[in-house]
Amino acid sequence: MPDFSGLPLVIEPGDLLPRLDTPELILVDLTSSARYATGHIPGARFVDPKRTQLGLPPAPGLMPAKELLEALFGELGHNPNAVYVVYDDEGGGWAGRFIWLLDVIGHSRYHYLDGGLHAWLGEGLPVTIDTPAAVGGPVALTLHDEPTATRAYLQSRLGAADLAIWDARGPLEYSGEKVLAAKGGHIPGAVNFEWTAGMDPERQLRIRRDMPQILAKLGITPDKEVITHCQTHHRSGFTYLVAKALGYPRVKGYAGSWGEWGNHPDTPVEI
C-alpha cells in the first residue's frame, strides 16, 4: 500500500485515492454538515469550520481555547504518526485554516487536496454517506507561537523591509469603502490580493498555477516574512496555505485579522 512520503503539500485526487486505506491517514472534511451528509470522500471525518475559530466578537477569528482544540483533535484520533489530508468545497479557505492549526499544534505531516470536493467529484471518484465514529477523548497538545502573528507583533513589525502583509479581503474592504469594523481601510503597507482570485475556476478551484509570478509582482516574496489576514482568518486560511505550498519559509497567520485590528483603538489604518 502506498504511503504519503514524497508527496508535496498540495496533492491531487489521484494521489489520495490509492491511499484512502493508509492506517496513518486522518482525512478531514471542512465543508458543511449538509454537504457532508449528502456525500463525502470515504473515511473523511467532518469538522465544523466554526470549531476552528474562537467565534467571539470583536475578533472571532482568534484561536479556540486549548481544551477545545484538545477535544477536537481527540475526536479525530490525533497522534504523532498521523498524516492529515484536509479539504473543503470553497477552494481552500477552511482547509488552509486547519493547516494553520496543525502548524500551531506542531504537527507537520499534512496535505491539502487541491480543489477539494469539487476536484474529487470532477474526476468521478466515489463518495459515501457513512460517518466514522469519533475516535476518543481529549489529547494533550502543545501550542506553538511561531505560526501566528499577534496584533502586538504585527504592529511592532510595521515598516520592516523584510515584511509582506497579504490582505486577502475584497478590494472594497481594503479601500475602506466597505466597513466591517469600527474602522475601515487596511493595515499600513498591506498588499491586497483577494483570496478567490488565487483559485482557478476552470480547474475546480485548484490553486492557480501562476501564483508564484503573481506574488512576485506584488512584492510578496520568499525572502520576506509573510503575514496574511482577512476579517477573521478564514479567507486568509487560503493565502496562508498558498504561501506554505510555495515553500515560503516565514509565514504567519494574523488570527485576529481585521476584526481585531479594525476595532482596536490604537492601531494605525491606511485608506
Protein backbone atom coordinates (compact mmCIF):
# COMPACT_ATOMS: atom_id res chain seq x y z
CA MET A 1 0.00 0.00 0.00
CA PRO A 2 1.46 3.41 -0.97
CA ASP A 3 2.10 5.90 1.82
CA PHE A 4 2.29 9.69 1.72
CA SER A 5 6.06 10.04 1.79
CA GLY A 6 7.46 12.11 -1.03
CA LEU A 7 4.19 13.87 -1.85
CA PRO A 8 4.04 17.69 -1.90
CA LEU A 9 1.85 19.67 0.45
CA VAL A 10 -0.76 20.09 -2.30
CA ILE A 11 -1.94 16.78 -3.74
CA GLU A 12 -4.38 15.66 -6.43
CA PRO A 13 -7.39 13.32 -6.14
CA GLY A 14 -5.33 10.69 -7.94
CA ASP A 15 -2.75 10.87 -5.17
CA LEU A 16 -5.33 10.41 -2.43
CA LEU A 17 -7.48 7.66 -3.96
CA PRO A 18 -4.96 4.78 -3.64
CA ARG A 19 -4.05 5.94 -0.13
CA LEU A 20 -7.53 6.09 1.45
CA ASP A 21 -6.85 2.95 3.47
CA THR A 22 -3.44 4.04 4.75
CA PRO A 23 -3.54 3.41 8.52
CA GLU A 24 -1.99 6.74 9.50
CA LEU A 25 -4.39 8.83 7.37
CA ILE A 26 -6.75 11.27 9.09
CA LEU A 27 -8.97 12.69 6.36
CA VAL A 28 -10.72 15.91 7.38
CA ASP A 29 -13.81 17.35 5.65
CA LEU A 30 -14.40 21.08 6.27
CA THR A 31 -17.40 21.61 4.03
CA SER A 32 -20.72 21.90 5.91
CA SER A 33 -22.84 19.43 7.80
CA ALA A 34 -25.40 19.45 4.99
CA ARG A 35 -22.80 18.93 2.28
CA TYR A 36 -21.06 16.21 4.30
CA ALA A 37 -24.35 14.37 4.83
CA THR A 38 -25.07 14.23 1.10
CA GLY A 39 -21.74 12.57 0.29
CA HIS A 40 -18.09 12.89 1.27
CA ILE A 41 -14.80 11.22 0.48
CA PRO A 42 -14.77 7.73 2.06
CA GLY A 43 -13.28 7.79 5.54
CA ALA A 44 -13.48 11.56 5.90
CA ARG A 45 -14.31 12.99 9.32
CA PHE A 46 -16.39 16.16 9.37
CA VAL A 47 -15.12 19.14 11.31
CA ASP A 48 -17.48 22.09 11.59
CA PRO A 49 -15.35 25.04 10.43
CA LYS A 50 -16.72 27.10 13.33
CA ARG A 51 -14.80 24.80 15.69
CA THR A 52 -11.55 26.12 14.25
CA GLN A 53 -12.32 29.65 15.47
CA LEU A 54 -12.92 31.31 18.84
CA GLY A 55 -16.14 32.80 17.49
CA LEU A 56 -16.41 35.73 19.89
CA PRO A 57 -16.53 39.42 18.93
CA PRO A 58 -14.73 41.61 18.17
CA ALA A 59 -12.18 39.09 16.84
CA PRO A 60 -13.98 35.79 16.16
CA GLY A 61 -11.03 34.50 14.16
CA LEU A 62 -8.78 34.06 17.18
CA MET A 63 -7.81 30.53 18.11
CA PRO A 64 -10.22 28.43 20.22
CA ALA A 65 -9.33 27.63 23.81
CA LYS A 66 -6.69 24.93 24.18
CA GLU A 67 -9.10 22.48 25.81
CA LEU A 68 -11.48 22.78 22.86
CA LEU A 69 -8.67 22.01 20.44
CA GLU A 70 -7.65 19.04 22.56
CA ALA A 71 -11.21 17.74 22.42
CA LEU A 72 -11.42 18.26 18.66
CA PHE A 73 -8.15 16.53 17.87
CA GLY A 74 -9.00 13.71 20.26
CA GLU A 75 -12.17 13.04 18.29
CA LEU A 76 -10.07 12.86 15.12
CA GLY A 77 -7.65 10.38 16.64
CA HIS A 78 -4.67 12.69 16.56
CA ASN A 79 -1.30 11.04 17.13
CA PRO A 80 2.32 11.85 16.28
CA ASN A 81 2.33 9.48 13.29
CA ALA A 82 -0.87 10.80 11.72
CA VAL A 83 -0.88 12.14 8.18
CA TYR A 84 -3.68 14.64 7.66
CA VAL A 85 -5.34 15.32 4.34
CA VAL A 86 -7.75 18.24 4.51
CA TYR A 87 -10.31 19.53 2.03
CA ASP A 88 -13.32 21.79 1.77
CA ASP A 89 -15.68 22.85 -1.00
CA GLU A 90 -14.75 26.52 -1.31
CA GLY A 91 -11.24 26.47 -2.74
CA GLY A 92 -9.19 26.12 0.42
CA GLY A 93 -10.13 28.75 2.99
CA TRP A 94 -11.25 26.48 5.81
CA ALA A 95 -8.80 23.76 4.83
CA GLY A 96 -5.97 26.28 4.94
CA ARG A 97 -7.06 27.48 8.35
CA PHE A 98 -7.00 23.88 9.58
CA ILE A 99 -3.46 23.51 8.24
CA TRP A 100 -2.56 26.63 10.21
CA LEU A 101 -3.99 24.91 13.31
CA LEU A 102 -1.84 21.85 12.57
CA ASP A 103 1.18 24.15 12.49
CA VAL A 104 0.05 25.66 15.79
CA ILE A 105 -0.02 22.22 17.44
CA GLY A 106 3.38 21.41 15.94
CA HIS A 107 2.21 18.72 13.52
CA SER A 108 3.85 18.98 10.10
CA ARG A 109 2.58 15.85 8.35
CA TYR A 110 -0.30 17.16 6.26
CA HIS A 111 -1.57 17.67 2.74
CA TYR A 112 -4.25 19.74 1.05
CA LEU A 113 -6.46 18.17 -1.61
CA ASP A 114 -6.26 20.74 -4.41
CA GLY A 115 -9.74 21.79 -5.48
CA GLY A 116 -11.22 19.87 -2.57
CA LEU A 117 -14.52 18.11 -3.02
CA HIS A 118 -15.10 19.81 -6.39
CA ALA A 119 -11.94 18.24 -7.81
CA TRP A 120 -12.80 14.83 -6.34
CA LEU A 121 -16.30 14.88 -7.85
CA GLY A 122 -14.96 16.33 -11.10
CA GLU A 123 -12.93 13.17 -11.59
CA GLY A 124 -15.93 10.95 -10.90
CA LEU A 125 -14.46 9.47 -7.74
CA PRO A 126 -16.60 7.75 -5.08
CA VAL A 127 -18.33 9.40 -2.15
CA THR A 128 -20.18 7.89 0.78
CA ILE A 129 -22.68 8.88 3.45
CA ASP A 130 -21.06 6.60 6.03
CA THR A 131 -19.83 8.52 9.08
CA PRO A 132 -16.78 7.35 11.04
CA ALA A 133 -17.23 7.33 14.81
CA ALA A 134 -15.29 9.73 16.99
CA VAL A 135 -12.01 8.09 17.97
CA GLY A 136 -11.52 9.13 21.58
CA GLY A 137 -11.35 11.73 24.29
CA PRO A 138 -9.11 14.78 24.57
CA VAL A 139 -5.43 14.54 23.69
CA ALA A 140 -2.70 16.67 25.25
CA LEU A 141 -1.43 19.32 22.86
CA THR A 142 1.42 21.82 22.95
CA LEU A 143 0.59 25.08 21.20
CA HIS A 144 3.34 26.92 19.33
CA ASP A 145 3.50 30.67 18.77
CA GLU A 146 5.52 30.70 15.54
CA PRO A 147 2.66 30.24 13.02
CA THR A 148 0.66 33.13 14.47
CA ALA A 149 1.13 36.88 14.34
CA THR A 150 -0.48 38.69 17.26
CA ARG A 151 -1.67 42.25 16.89
CA ALA A 152 1.21 43.50 19.03
CA TYR A 153 3.75 41.55 16.98
CA LEU A 154 2.41 42.81 13.67
CA GLN A 155 2.29 46.37 14.96
CA SER A 156 5.93 46.09 16.05
CA ARG A 157 6.93 44.92 12.56
CA LEU A 158 5.18 47.63 10.53
CA GLY A 159 7.53 49.24 8.04
CA ALA A 160 10.15 46.49 8.18
CA ALA A 161 11.89 45.94 4.85
CA ASP A 162 11.56 42.16 5.15
CA LEU A 163 7.81 42.17 5.89
CA ALA A 164 4.98 41.49 3.43
CA ILE A 165 1.41 41.84 4.71
CA TRP A 166 -1.02 39.92 2.48
CA ASP A 167 -4.57 41.22 2.83
CA ALA A 168 -6.93 38.56 1.46
CA ARG A 169 -10.11 40.63 1.79
CA GLY A 170 -12.10 42.15 -1.04
CA PRO A 171 -10.93 45.38 -2.70
CA LEU A 172 -13.74 47.47 -1.17
CA GLU A 173 -12.81 46.30 2.33
CA TYR A 174 -9.19 47.13 1.64
CA SER A 175 -10.02 50.61 0.33
CA GLY A 176 -12.29 51.39 3.27
CA GLU A 177 -15.42 51.72 1.10
CA LYS A 178 -16.88 48.63 2.79
CA VAL A 179 -16.52 48.87 6.55
CA LEU A 180 -16.90 45.75 8.71
CA ALA A 181 -15.37 47.10 11.92
CA ALA A 182 -15.14 50.37 13.85
CA LYS A 183 -12.50 51.50 11.34
CA GLY A 184 -12.29 50.92 7.60
CA GLY A 185 -9.25 50.63 5.39
CA HIS A 186 -6.18 48.44 5.70
CA ILE A 187 -3.06 47.83 7.74
CA PRO A 188 -0.28 50.23 6.67
CA GLY A 189 1.86 48.65 3.97
CA ALA A 190 -0.53 45.76 3.32
CA VAL A 191 -0.92 44.46 -0.22
CA ASN A 192 -4.37 43.39 -1.36
CA PHE A 193 -4.92 40.20 -3.34
CA GLU A 194 -8.42 38.84 -2.78
CA TRP A 195 -8.45 35.15 -1.88
CA THR A 196 -10.72 33.81 -4.64
CA ALA A 197 -8.52 35.49 -7.27
CA GLY A 198 -5.97 32.81 -6.42
CA MET A 199 -8.31 29.99 -7.46
CA ASP A 200 -8.74 28.62 -10.97
CA PRO A 201 -12.47 28.22 -11.77
CA GLU A 202 -11.59 26.22 -14.88
CA ARG A 203 -9.85 23.60 -12.69
CA GLN A 204 -12.42 23.07 -9.90
CA LEU A 205 -10.99 25.94 -7.80
CA ARG A 206 -7.48 24.49 -7.68
CA ILE A 207 -4.72 26.92 -6.76
CA ARG A 208 -3.69 28.95 -9.81
CA ARG A 209 -0.51 27.70 -11.39
CA ASP A 210 0.82 31.23 -11.86
CA MET A 211 0.64 32.21 -8.19
CA PRO A 212 4.46 32.50 -7.89
CA GLN A 213 4.50 35.12 -10.65
CA ILE A 214 1.50 36.97 -9.22
CA LEU A 215 3.04 37.16 -5.76
CA ALA A 216 6.40 38.26 -7.13
CA LYS A 217 4.74 41.22 -8.86
CA LEU A 218 3.01 42.12 -5.60
CA GLY A 219 6.26 42.03 -3.66
CA ILE A 220 5.12 39.03 -1.60
CA THR A 221 8.37 37.13 -2.00
CA PRO A 222 10.02 34.19 -0.21
CA ASP A 223 12.78 36.37 1.26
CA LYS A 224 10.21 38.19 3.39
CA GLU A 225 8.19 37.29 6.42
CA VAL A 226 4.65 36.94 5.10
CA ILE A 227 1.79 37.77 7.45
CA THR A 228 -1.63 37.17 5.97
CA HIS A 229 -5.06 38.14 7.22
CA CYS A 230 -8.64 38.89 6.24
CA GLN A 231 -11.56 39.70 8.57
CA THR A 232 -11.50 36.51 10.67
CA HIS A 233 -8.54 34.46 9.30
CA HIS A 234 -10.89 32.30 7.26
CA ARG A 235 -10.25 33.69 3.78
CA SER A 236 -6.60 34.10 4.74
CA GLY A 237 -6.52 30.41 5.55
CA PHE A 238 -6.26 30.03 1.77
CA THR A 239 -3.48 32.58 1.40
CA TYR A 240 -1.59 31.03 4.33
CA LEU A 241 -1.89 27.68 2.55
CA VAL A 242 -0.66 29.10 -0.75
CA ALA A 243 2.44 30.66 0.79
CA LYS A 244 3.21 27.42 2.65
CA ALA A 245 2.67 25.35 -0.50
CA LEU A 246 5.09 27.55 -2.42
CA GLY A 247 7.74 26.89 0.18
CA TYR A 248 7.88 30.34 1.75
CA PRO A 249 9.98 29.84 4.88
CA ARG A 250 8.42 32.52 7.10
CA VAL A 251 4.63 32.54 7.04
CA LYS A 252 2.29 33.63 9.81
CA GLY A 253 -1.48 33.96 10.03
CA TYR A 254 -2.84 37.01 11.80
CA ALA A 255 -5.72 35.27 13.50
CA GLY A 256 -7.19 38.44 14.97
CA SER A 257 -7.34 39.87 11.45
CA TRP A 258 -9.37 42.98 10.67
CA GLY A 259 -11.96 42.05 13.29
CA GLU A 260 -9.31 42.83 15.89
CA TRP A 261 -7.24 45.45 14.07
CA GLY A 262 -10.19 47.46 12.83
CA ASN A 263 -11.82 47.55 16.26
CA HIS A 264 -8.72 48.34 18.32
CA PRO A 265 -8.30 51.98 19.42
CA ASP A 266 -4.52 52.06 18.99
CA THR A 267 -3.98 50.50 15.55
CA PRO A 268 -2.93 52.64 12.56
CA VAL A 269 -5.01 52.42 9.38
CA GLU A 270 -4.45 53.41 5.78
CA ILE A 271 -7.19 54.15 3.27
